[in-house]
Every structure is written in structure tokens, then in C-alpha cells.
Protein backbone atom coordinates (compact mmCIF):
# COMPACT_ATOMS: atom_id res chain seq x y z
CA UNK A 1 84.76 76.28 152.90
CA UNK A 2 83.18 74.57 149.93
CA UNK A 3 82.84 75.98 146.42
CA UNK A 4 80.93 74.05 143.79
CA UNK A 5 78.26 74.00 141.08
CA UNK A 6 74.58 73.77 142.01
CA UNK A 7 74.38 70.49 140.04
CA UNK A 8 76.71 68.97 142.67
CA UNK A 9 74.97 70.33 145.76
CA UNK A 10 73.43 67.03 146.87
CA UNK A 11 76.93 65.66 147.60
CA UNK A 12 76.97 67.82 150.73
CA UNK A 13 73.68 66.83 152.43
CA UNK A 14 75.44 64.63 154.98
CA UNK A 15 77.48 67.52 156.38
CA UNK A 16 74.62 68.98 158.41
CA UNK A 17 71.09 67.81 159.32
CA UNK A 18 69.52 70.92 157.72
CA UNK A 19 71.55 70.99 154.50
CA UNK A 20 69.10 68.77 152.64
CA UNK A 21 66.23 71.15 153.44
CA UNK A 22 68.38 74.16 152.48
CA UNK A 23 69.37 72.59 149.18
CA UNK A 24 65.78 71.66 148.36
CA UNK A 25 64.84 75.29 148.92
CA UNK A 26 67.51 76.46 146.47
CA UNK A 27 66.50 73.91 143.84
CA UNK A 28 62.78 74.74 144.15
CA UNK A 29 63.09 78.47 143.47
CA UNK A 30 62.13 80.17 140.26
CA UNK A 31 64.87 82.82 140.14
CA UNK A 32 62.69 85.00 137.89
CA UNK A 33 60.18 85.42 140.73
CA UNK A 34 62.47 85.97 143.73
CA UNK A 35 61.65 88.97 145.92
CA UNK A 36 64.31 90.53 148.14
CA UNK A 37 64.01 90.02 151.87
CA UNK A 38 64.50 87.62 154.73
CA UNK A 39 62.33 84.49 154.87
CA UNK A 40 62.08 81.70 157.44
CA UNK A 41 62.41 78.14 156.19
CA UNK A 42 62.60 76.44 159.59
CA UNK A 43 62.33 79.17 162.20
CA UNK A 44 65.63 80.52 163.47
CA UNK A 45 67.45 77.31 162.59
CA UNK A 46 67.25 77.85 158.82
CA UNK A 47 66.35 81.03 157.01
CA UNK A 48 67.23 82.75 153.76
CA UNK A 49 68.06 86.26 152.66
CA UNK A 50 67.27 87.01 149.03
CA UNK A 51 69.72 89.70 147.96
CA UNK A 52 70.13 91.69 144.77
CA UNK A 53 72.60 94.55 144.90
CA UNK A 54 75.43 96.12 142.99
CA UNK A 55 78.84 94.65 143.62
CA UNK A 56 81.27 96.72 145.67
CA UNK A 57 84.96 97.57 145.23
CA UNK A 58 87.41 95.13 146.80
CA UNK A 59 88.52 97.54 149.55
CA UNK A 60 84.90 98.18 150.62
CA UNK A 61 84.24 94.47 150.99
CA UNK A 62 87.51 93.79 152.81
CA UNK A 63 86.49 96.48 155.33
CA UNK A 64 83.75 94.01 156.32
CA UNK A 65 85.90 90.86 156.32
CA UNK A 66 83.62 88.65 158.41
CA UNK A 67 82.87 85.29 159.96
CA UNK A 68 80.03 83.86 162.02
CA UNK A 69 79.74 81.67 165.12
CA UNK A 70 76.07 80.71 165.17
CA UNK A 71 75.31 80.17 161.48
CA UNK A 72 76.87 78.53 158.44
CA UNK A 73 76.36 80.57 155.25
CA UNK A 74 75.32 78.90 152.02
CA UNK A 75 75.63 81.59 149.36
CA UNK A 76 74.20 80.76 145.95
CA UNK A 77 74.77 83.18 143.06
CA UNK A 78 72.08 83.07 140.37
CA UNK A 79 72.89 86.27 138.45
CA UNK A 80 76.04 88.35 138.05
CA UNK A 81 79.58 87.45 139.02
CA UNK A 82 80.70 87.75 142.63
CA UNK A 83 84.30 87.84 143.80
CA UNK A 84 84.90 86.69 147.37
CA UNK A 85 87.99 87.09 149.56
CA UNK A 86 88.90 84.26 151.93
CA UNK A 87 91.16 83.44 154.85
CA UNK A 88 91.00 80.75 157.51
CA UNK A 89 89.96 82.12 160.89
CA UNK A 90 92.86 80.15 162.39
CA UNK A 91 95.25 82.43 160.49
CA UNK A 92 93.53 85.73 161.34
CA UNK A 93 95.23 87.75 164.06
CA UNK A 94 93.53 91.16 164.04
CA UNK A 95 89.88 91.08 165.15
CA UNK A 96 88.09 94.42 164.79
CA UNK A 97 86.07 94.80 167.93
CA UNK A 98 84.22 92.03 169.72
CA UNK A 99 81.95 89.33 168.36
CA UNK A 100 78.39 90.67 167.99
CA UNK A 101 76.10 87.82 169.05
CA UNK A 102 72.94 89.70 168.04
CA UNK A 103 74.16 89.98 164.43
CA UNK A 104 76.32 86.83 164.57
CA UNK A 105 79.35 88.56 163.13
CA UNK A 106 82.99 89.13 163.95
CA UNK A 107 85.05 91.38 161.70
CA UNK A 108 88.78 91.16 161.06
CA UNK A 109 91.38 93.70 159.94
CA UNK A 110 93.36 90.91 158.29
CA UNK A 111 93.54 90.74 154.51
CA UNK A 112 92.21 87.75 152.57
CA UNK A 113 94.76 85.14 151.52
CA UNK A 114 93.08 84.69 148.15
CA UNK A 115 90.07 85.64 146.04
CA UNK A 116 87.78 83.53 143.89
CA UNK A 117 84.78 84.12 141.66
CA UNK A 118 81.29 82.67 141.89
CA UNK A 119 79.40 82.60 138.61
CA UNK A 120 75.65 82.02 138.18
CA UNK A 121 74.85 78.48 139.23
CA UNK A 122 77.72 78.28 141.74
CA UNK A 123 77.65 78.38 145.53
CA UNK A 124 79.95 78.74 148.50
CA UNK A 125 79.46 77.24 151.94
CA UNK A 126 81.18 79.24 154.66
CA UNK A 127 81.58 77.56 158.03
CA UNK A 128 82.44 79.47 161.25
CA UNK A 129 86.16 79.06 160.50
CA UNK A 130 85.81 80.72 157.08
CA UNK A 131 86.43 84.46 157.11
CA UNK A 132 85.01 85.92 153.92
CA UNK A 133 84.63 89.24 152.10
CA UNK A 134 81.65 88.86 149.72
CA UNK A 135 79.92 90.99 147.07
CA UNK A 136 83.06 92.19 145.29
CA UNK A 137 82.24 92.96 141.70
CA UNK A 138 80.72 95.27 139.17
CA UNK A 139 77.09 95.44 138.24
CA UNK A 140 74.17 93.60 139.77
CA UNK A 141 74.79 90.45 141.82
CA UNK A 142 71.78 88.35 142.77
CA UNK A 143 72.15 85.63 145.32
CA UNK A 144 70.59 83.66 148.12
CA UNK A 145 72.24 83.59 151.53
CA UNK A 146 70.93 80.66 153.52
CA UNK A 147 71.76 80.79 157.21
CA UNK A 148 72.00 77.34 158.80
CA UNK A 149 72.34 77.17 162.57
CA UNK A 150 75.46 75.28 163.65
CA UNK A 151 74.40 72.21 165.66
């Protein structure tokens, strides 16, 4: 997992062949004109979900404590404050059901080891080993979720 400020995002381009394109997308957006929805950037290899929704209570988010096998998440908050729960997948012991390959998600009953906040202008990168519980907070949270296919 990586947490940082958008001003530092270019430091991470070498981590994946599609990160540079993903970061350029983030930097090119006018956040005043973003419309909610799912949009392709490079087919199924790189796409974005524009999301604006009210934050949820901690227990509601933890009920969907998740990780992914096929995609890396780059989550960029541009309005509101989001709290996220985290635990390494290596330390999780209670999967809830089986991995859903169609939705690229596996849920866990485990509790996060810690929580952190993302403020406007900050992002988190969640790799397949990063189990996360997002969207904890009060009020409107606006963010981009870029899905980058693991290569």
C-alpha cells in the first residue's frame, strides 16, 4: 500500500507500466466537471470509476473489508475526508466466501489493523495484498478509483 499527496504521484510511475497513464488521467481532470460513472482509459486494462457518495459508518465499511486479485486500486480523494481501514492479506485468516472473479473481489471477516485518513489531494494505492475498508466518514466523499490490471 502507498499513501501520498498528489504532488508526489510521479514518484510511482516505475511501479507499473500503466501507472504513468493513470496518473496523467488524474492530473488532467477538472474536478468541478467530473460526472459519476465508469469510464475506460485503456480498455479493460485501465479504467476509472468516478464516485461521489456519503461516507458510511465504520462497521458498515468493515462489513465489506475487501481485496482484489486482478486489479490494483488507485483511489484519489478530491473532496471530503475518507477514513480507510487496512490489513495485510498475509495476516487475514477469515475469508468470507470465495473470490468472485467477475467482480474481482474477496471479502474478509477480519478486522483492520489500523485506520488512516485521506484528505483532498491525497491518494492510496492498494495492491492485491492490501485488504481495505474504504468510504468511512461523514458527509460527501468524492474520489476517483482507477483500476489498473496487474501484469
